[in-house]
């Protein structure tokens, strides 16, 4: 019977050790900060790139004017090879992505790339006296304006109402 008492104590000691380890793990978990939100995007100043793009591009480069401060520019680039391509990305007030994309690339390929495969709908809308075509997709929706020698796409995860606000704010300089 002496061996049974030793085994019982060993099992009891093991269970107490596991409970203590679990308690310590719980305490550590409580004191480590947890942030499940995406990190805040930094606002970028795109004025220098916009001036450069407007001097270099073969089309009038568009950028928004008069948007509320709650719209945050987050990315910008101009690439002249192989096509004159302008990109200006924003985070809208609702935290959604909106981008202005312009290029001299063949329209069908450019729209497919800029809108991440969105498809043309039969819906058009007049914005600033110009007719924009709506595109819908699984990831992005888009508004598309065909210009002389270039295509402008306002696209992103935002609603059509927000895409329209961006398109209304676009100015060329």
C-alpha atoms as a PDB file:
ATOM      1  CA  UNK A   1       0.000   0.000   0.000  1.00  0.00           C
ATOM      2  CA  UNK A   2       2.982   2.287   0.419  1.00  0.00           C
ATOM      3  CA  UNK A   3       3.368   2.589  -3.374  1.00  0.00           C
ATOM      4  CA  UNK A   4      -0.214   3.810  -3.889  1.00  0.00           C
ATOM      5  CA  UNK A   5       0.261   6.819  -1.623  1.00  0.00           C
ATOM      6  CA  UNK A   6       3.360   7.913  -3.589  1.00  0.00           C
ATOM      7  CA  UNK A   7       1.588   7.621  -6.955  1.00  0.00           C
ATOM      8  CA  UNK A   8      -1.382   9.637  -5.659  1.00  0.00           C
ATOM      9  CA  UNK A   9       0.942  12.444  -4.501  1.00  0.00           C
ATOM     10  CA  UNK A  10       2.783  12.423  -7.843  1.00  0.00           C
ATOM     11  CA  UNK A  11      -0.490  12.775  -9.795  1.00  0.00           C
ATOM     12  CA  UNK A  12      -1.705  15.481  -7.382  1.00  0.00           C
ATOM     13  CA  UNK A  13       1.606  17.356  -7.696  1.00  0.00           C
ATOM     14  CA  UNK A  14       1.435  17.104 -11.497  1.00  0.00           C
ATOM     15  CA  UNK A  15      -2.137  18.487 -11.566  1.00  0.00           C
ATOM     16  CA  UNK A  16      -1.155  21.342  -9.219  1.00  0.00           C
ATOM     17  CA  UNK A  17       1.809  22.154 -11.460  1.00  0.00           C
ATOM     18  CA  UNK A  18      -0.408  22.212 -14.565  1.00  0.00           C
ATOM     19  CA  UNK A  19      -2.914  24.458 -12.809  1.00  0.00           C
ATOM     20  CA  UNK A  20      -0.127  26.822 -11.756  1.00  0.00           C
ATOM     21  CA  UNK A  21       1.291  26.919 -15.292  1.00  0.00           C
ATOM     22  CA  UNK A  22      -2.200  27.631 -16.692  1.00  0.00           C
ATOM     23  CA  UNK A  23      -2.720  30.417 -14.164  1.00  0.00           C
ATOM     24  CA  UNK A  24       0.633  31.999 -15.037  1.00  0.00           C
ATOM     25  CA  UNK A  25      -0.102  31.775 -18.770  1.00  0.00           C
ATOM     26  CA  UNK A  26      -3.457  33.508 -18.163  1.00  0.00           C
ATOM     27  CA  UNK A  27      -1.807  36.312 -16.169  1.00  0.00           C
ATOM     28  CA  UNK A  28       0.820  36.842 -18.881  1.00  0.00           C
ATOM     29  CA  UNK A  29      -1.902  36.893 -21.555  1.00  0.00           C
ATOM     30  CA  UNK A  30      -3.810  39.585 -19.653  1.00  0.00           C
ATOM     31  CA  UNK A  31      -0.786  41.890 -19.434  1.00  0.00           C
ATOM     32  CA  UNK A  32       0.364  41.596 -23.050  1.00  0.00           C
ATOM     33  CA  UNK A  33      -1.353  44.237 -25.230  1.00  0.00           C
ATOM     34  CA  UNK A  34      -3.631  42.858 -27.935  1.00  0.00           C
ATOM     35  CA  UNK A  35      -4.582  44.938 -30.940  1.00  0.00           C
ATOM     36  CA  UNK A  36      -6.614  43.167 -33.576  1.00  0.00           C
ATOM     37  CA  UNK A  37      -7.063  46.330 -35.657  1.00  0.00           C
ATOM     38  CA  UNK A  38      -4.961  47.113 -38.708  1.00  0.00           C
ATOM     39  CA  UNK A  39      -2.302  49.720 -38.075  1.00  0.00           C
ATOM     40  CA  UNK A  40      -3.220  53.289 -38.976  1.00  0.00           C
ATOM     41  CA  UNK A  41      -2.095  54.278 -42.451  1.00  0.00           C
ATOM     42  CA  UNK A  42       0.217  57.255 -42.700  1.00  0.00           C
ATOM     43  CA  UNK A  43      -0.894  60.282 -44.682  1.00  0.00           C
ATOM     44  CA  UNK A  44       1.366  61.043 -47.663  1.00  0.00           C
ATOM     45  CA  UNK A  45       2.008  64.406 -49.279  1.00  0.00           C
ATOM     46  CA  UNK A  46       1.659  63.844 -53.009  1.00  0.00           C
ATOM     47  CA  UNK A  47       2.090  67.437 -54.277  1.00  0.00           C
ATOM     48  CA  UNK A  48       5.628  66.994 -55.652  1.00  0.00           C
ATOM     49  CA  UNK A  49       4.718  63.775 -57.479  1.00  0.00           C
ATOM     50  CA  UNK A  50       1.569  65.404 -58.850  1.00  0.00           C
ATOM     51  CA  UNK A  51       3.530  68.348 -60.283  1.00  0.00           C
ATOM     52  CA  UNK A  52       6.070  65.994 -61.844  1.00  0.00           C
ATOM     53  CA  UNK A  53       3.359  63.785 -63.324  1.00  0.00           C
ATOM     54  CA  UNK A  54       1.500  66.787 -64.744  1.00  0.00           C
ATOM     55  CA  UNK A  55       4.677  67.943 -66.497  1.00  0.00           C
ATOM     56  CA  UNK A  56       5.538  64.491 -67.859  1.00  0.00           C
ATOM     57  CA  UNK A  57       2.225  62.822 -68.712  1.00  0.00           C
ATOM     58  CA  UNK A  58       0.665  62.865 -72.164  1.00  0.00           C
ATOM     59  CA  UNK A  59      -2.771  63.552 -70.632  1.00  0.00           C
ATOM     60  CA  UNK A  60      -4.202  65.898 -67.985  1.00  0.00           C
ATOM     61  CA  UNK A  61      -3.385  64.225 -64.649  1.00  0.00           C
ATOM     62  CA  UNK A  62      -6.284  64.248 -62.182  1.00  0.00           C
ATOM     63  CA  UNK A  63      -6.131  64.748 -58.419  1.00  0.00           C
ATOM     64  CA  UNK A  64      -8.875  65.632 -55.945  1.00  0.00           C
ATOM     65  CA  UNK A  65      -9.444  69.130 -54.619  1.00  0.00           C
ATOM     66  CA  UNK A  66     -11.670  70.118 -51.728  1.00  0.00           C
ATOM     67  CA  UNK A  67     -12.069  66.746 -50.033  1.00  0.00           C
ATOM     68  CA  UNK A  68     -12.607  66.796 -46.272  1.00  0.00           C
ATOM     69  CA  UNK A  69      -9.605  66.162 -44.009  1.00  0.00           C
ATOM     70  CA  UNK A  70     -11.124  62.777 -43.175  1.00  0.00           C
ATOM     71  CA  UNK A  71      -9.966  61.567 -46.604  1.00  0.00           C
ATOM     72  CA  UNK A  72      -6.344  60.445 -46.208  1.00  0.00           C
ATOM     73  CA  UNK A  73      -3.898  60.139 -49.121  1.00  0.00           C
ATOM     74  CA  UNK A  74      -1.920  56.948 -48.494  1.00  0.00           C
ATOM     75  CA  UNK A  75       0.005  56.161 -51.688  1.00  0.00           C
ATOM     76  CA  UNK A  76       1.217  57.899 -54.833  1.00  0.00           C
ATOM     77  CA  UNK A  77       3.296  56.996 -57.881  1.00  0.00           C
ATOM     78  CA  UNK A  78       3.841  58.030 -61.458  1.00  0.00           C
ATOM     79  CA  UNK A  79       5.459  55.700 -63.942  1.00  0.00           C
ATOM     80  CA  UNK A  80       6.149  56.723 -67.522  1.00  0.00           C
ATOM     81  CA  UNK A  81       7.426  53.416 -68.852  1.00  0.00           C
ATOM     82  CA  UNK A  82       5.904  51.495 -70.586  1.00  0.00           C
ATOM     83  CA  UNK A  83       2.740  53.625 -70.203  1.00  0.00           C
ATOM     84  CA  UNK A  84       2.116  56.971 -68.581  1.00  0.00           C
ATOM     85  CA  UNK A  85       0.505  55.630 -65.399  1.00  0.00           C
ATOM     86  CA  UNK A  86      -0.684  57.765 -62.457  1.00  0.00           C
ATOM     87  CA  UNK A  87      -1.838  56.286 -59.154  1.00  0.00           C
ATOM     88  CA  UNK A  88      -3.124  58.113 -56.090  1.00  0.00           C
ATOM     89  CA  UNK A  89      -4.533  55.996 -53.248  1.00  0.00           C
ATOM     90  CA  UNK A  90      -6.785  57.216 -50.435  1.00  0.00           C
ATOM     91  CA  UNK A  91      -8.475  55.940 -47.324  1.00  0.00           C
ATOM     92  CA  UNK A  92     -12.009  57.338 -47.218  1.00  0.00           C
ATOM     93  CA  UNK A  93     -13.735  58.524 -43.999  1.00  0.00           C
ATOM     94  CA  UNK A  94     -15.251  55.043 -43.560  1.00  0.00           C
ATOM     95  CA  UNK A  95     -11.833  53.355 -43.686  1.00  0.00           C
ATOM     96  CA  UNK A  96     -12.288  52.000 -47.206  1.00  0.00           C
ATOM     97  CA  UNK A  97      -9.790  52.195 -50.072  1.00  0.00           C
ATOM     98  CA  UNK A  98     -10.275  54.556 -53.025  1.00  0.00           C
ATOM     99  CA  UNK A  99      -7.758  55.034 -55.839  1.00  0.00           C
ATOM    100  CA  UNK A 100      -7.431  57.276 -58.858  1.00  0.00           C
ATOM    101  CA  UNK A 101      -5.735  55.410 -61.698  1.00  0.00           C
ATOM    102  CA  UNK A 102      -4.912  56.947 -65.066  1.00  0.00           C
ATOM    103  CA  UNK A 103      -2.976  55.532 -67.977  1.00  0.00           C
ATOM    104  CA  UNK A 104      -2.345  55.561 -71.705  1.00  0.00           C
ATOM    105  CA  UNK A 105      -2.384  51.747 -71.679  1.00  0.00           C
ATOM    106  CA  UNK A 106      -5.010  50.012 -73.827  1.00  0.00           C
ATOM    107  CA  UNK A 107      -8.285  50.670 -71.993  1.00  0.00           C
ATOM    108  CA  UNK A 108      -9.563  47.094 -71.569  1.00  0.00           C
ATOM    109  CA  UNK A 109      -6.320  45.791 -70.042  1.00  0.00           C
ATOM    110  CA  UNK A 110      -5.854  48.889 -67.869  1.00  0.00           C
ATOM    111  CA  UNK A 111      -9.423  48.818 -66.506  1.00  0.00           C
ATOM    112  CA  UNK A 112      -9.163  45.096 -65.742  1.00  0.00           C
ATOM    113  CA  UNK A 113      -5.905  45.624 -63.855  1.00  0.00           C
ATOM    114  CA  UNK A 114      -6.928  48.822 -62.027  1.00  0.00           C
ATOM    115  CA  UNK A 115     -10.313  47.442 -60.954  1.00  0.00           C
ATOM    116  CA  UNK A 116      -8.952  43.979 -60.140  1.00  0.00           C
ATOM    117  CA  UNK A 117     -11.211  42.276 -62.631  1.00  0.00           C
ATOM    118  CA  UNK A 118     -14.433  44.245 -62.150  1.00  0.00           C
ATOM    119  CA  UNK A 119     -16.963  43.902 -64.974  1.00  0.00           C
ATOM    120  CA  UNK A 120     -18.724  46.637 -66.910  1.00  0.00           C
ATOM    121  CA  UNK A 121     -22.365  47.209 -66.048  1.00  0.00           C
ATOM    122  CA  UNK A 122     -25.034  48.957 -68.100  1.00  0.00           C
ATOM    123  CA  UNK A 123     -25.179  51.764 -65.520  1.00  0.00           C
ATOM    124  CA  UNK A 124     -23.626  55.136 -66.321  1.00  0.00           C
ATOM    125  CA  UNK A 125     -23.657  58.325 -64.336  1.00  0.00           C
ATOM    126  CA  UNK A 126     -22.961  61.935 -65.110  1.00  0.00           C
ATOM    127  CA  UNK A 127     -20.248  63.474 -62.937  1.00  0.00           C
ATOM    128  CA  UNK A 128     -19.020  66.967 -63.709  1.00  0.00           C
ATOM    129  CA  UNK A 129     -20.667  66.923 -67.105  1.00  0.00           C
ATOM    130  CA  UNK A 130     -18.903  63.705 -68.141  1.00  0.00           C
ATOM    131  CA  UNK A 131     -20.313  60.203 -68.479  1.00  0.00           C
ATOM    132  CA  UNK A 132     -18.687  57.630 -66.213  1.00  0.00           C
ATOM    133  CA  UNK A 133     -19.288  53.886 -66.650  1.00  0.00           C
ATOM    134  CA  UNK A 134     -19.854  51.725 -63.566  1.00  0.00           C
ATOM    135  CA  UNK A 135     -17.954  48.481 -63.089  1.00  0.00           C
ATOM    136  CA  UNK A 136     -18.629  45.951 -60.316  1.00  0.00           C
ATOM    137  CA  UNK A 137     -16.390  43.221 -59.007  1.00  0.00           C
ATOM    138  CA  UNK A 138     -15.794  40.817 -56.193  1.00  0.00           C
ATOM    139  CA  UNK A 139     -13.105  42.942 -54.572  1.00  0.00           C
ATOM    140  CA  UNK A 140     -13.302  46.406 -56.148  1.00  0.00           C
ATOM    141  CA  UNK A 141     -15.987  48.485 -57.809  1.00  0.00           C
ATOM    142  CA  UNK A 142     -15.046  51.254 -60.228  1.00  0.00           C
ATOM    143  CA  UNK A 143     -16.104  54.314 -62.156  1.00  0.00           C
ATOM    144  CA  UNK A 144     -14.427  54.624 -65.560  1.00  0.00           C
ATOM    145  CA  UNK A 145     -13.991  57.672 -67.782  1.00  0.00           C
ATOM    146  CA  UNK A 146     -12.614  57.274 -71.294  1.00  0.00           C
ATOM    147  CA  UNK A 147     -10.598  60.308 -72.383  1.00  0.00           C
ATOM    148  CA  UNK A 148      -8.626  61.207 -75.478  1.00  0.00           C
ATOM    149  CA  UNK A 149      -5.571  58.971 -75.306  1.00  0.00           C
ATOM    150  CA  UNK A 150      -6.037  57.954 -71.679  1.00  0.00           C
ATOM    151  CA  UNK A 151      -8.424  56.245 -69.290  1.00  0.00           C
ATOM    152  CA  UNK A 152      -9.314  57.364 -65.761  1.00  0.00           C
ATOM    153  CA  UNK A 153     -10.498  54.796 -63.205  1.00  0.00           C
ATOM    154  CA  UNK A 154     -11.753  55.652 -59.715  1.00  0.00           C
ATOM    155  CA  UNK A 155     -11.775  52.311 -57.955  1.00  0.00           C
ATOM    156  CA  UNK A 156     -11.572  50.591 -54.596  1.00  0.00           C
ATOM    157  CA  UNK A 157     -13.420  48.856 -51.793  1.00  0.00           C
ATOM    158  CA  UNK A 158     -15.520  51.936 -51.026  1.00  0.00           C
ATOM    159  CA  UNK A 159     -19.176  52.302 -51.963  1.00  0.00           C
ATOM    160  CA  UNK A 160     -20.255  53.880 -55.234  1.00  0.00           C
ATOM    161  CA  UNK A 161     -21.308  56.940 -53.227  1.00  0.00           C
ATOM    162  CA  UNK A 162     -17.723  57.391 -52.014  1.00  0.00           C
ATOM    163  CA  UNK A 163     -16.268  56.632 -55.457  1.00  0.00           C
ATOM    164  CA  UNK A 164     -18.611  59.297 -56.849  1.00  0.00           C
ATOM    165  CA  UNK A 165     -17.427  61.839 -54.251  1.00  0.00           C
ATOM    166  CA  UNK A 166     -13.867  61.217 -55.326  1.00  0.00           C
ATOM    167  CA  UNK A 167     -14.725  61.503 -59.023  1.00  0.00           C
ATOM    168  CA  UNK A 168     -16.584  64.795 -58.324  1.00  0.00           C
ATOM    169  CA  UNK A 169     -13.497  66.190 -56.584  1.00  0.00           C
ATOM    170  CA  UNK A 170     -11.082  65.397 -59.424  1.00  0.00           C
ATOM    171  CA  UNK A 171      -9.407  68.346 -61.127  1.00  0.00           C
ATOM    172  CA  UNK A 172      -6.704  68.469 -63.765  1.00  0.00           C
ATOM    173  CA  UNK A 173      -4.132  71.157 -63.716  1.00  0.00           C
END
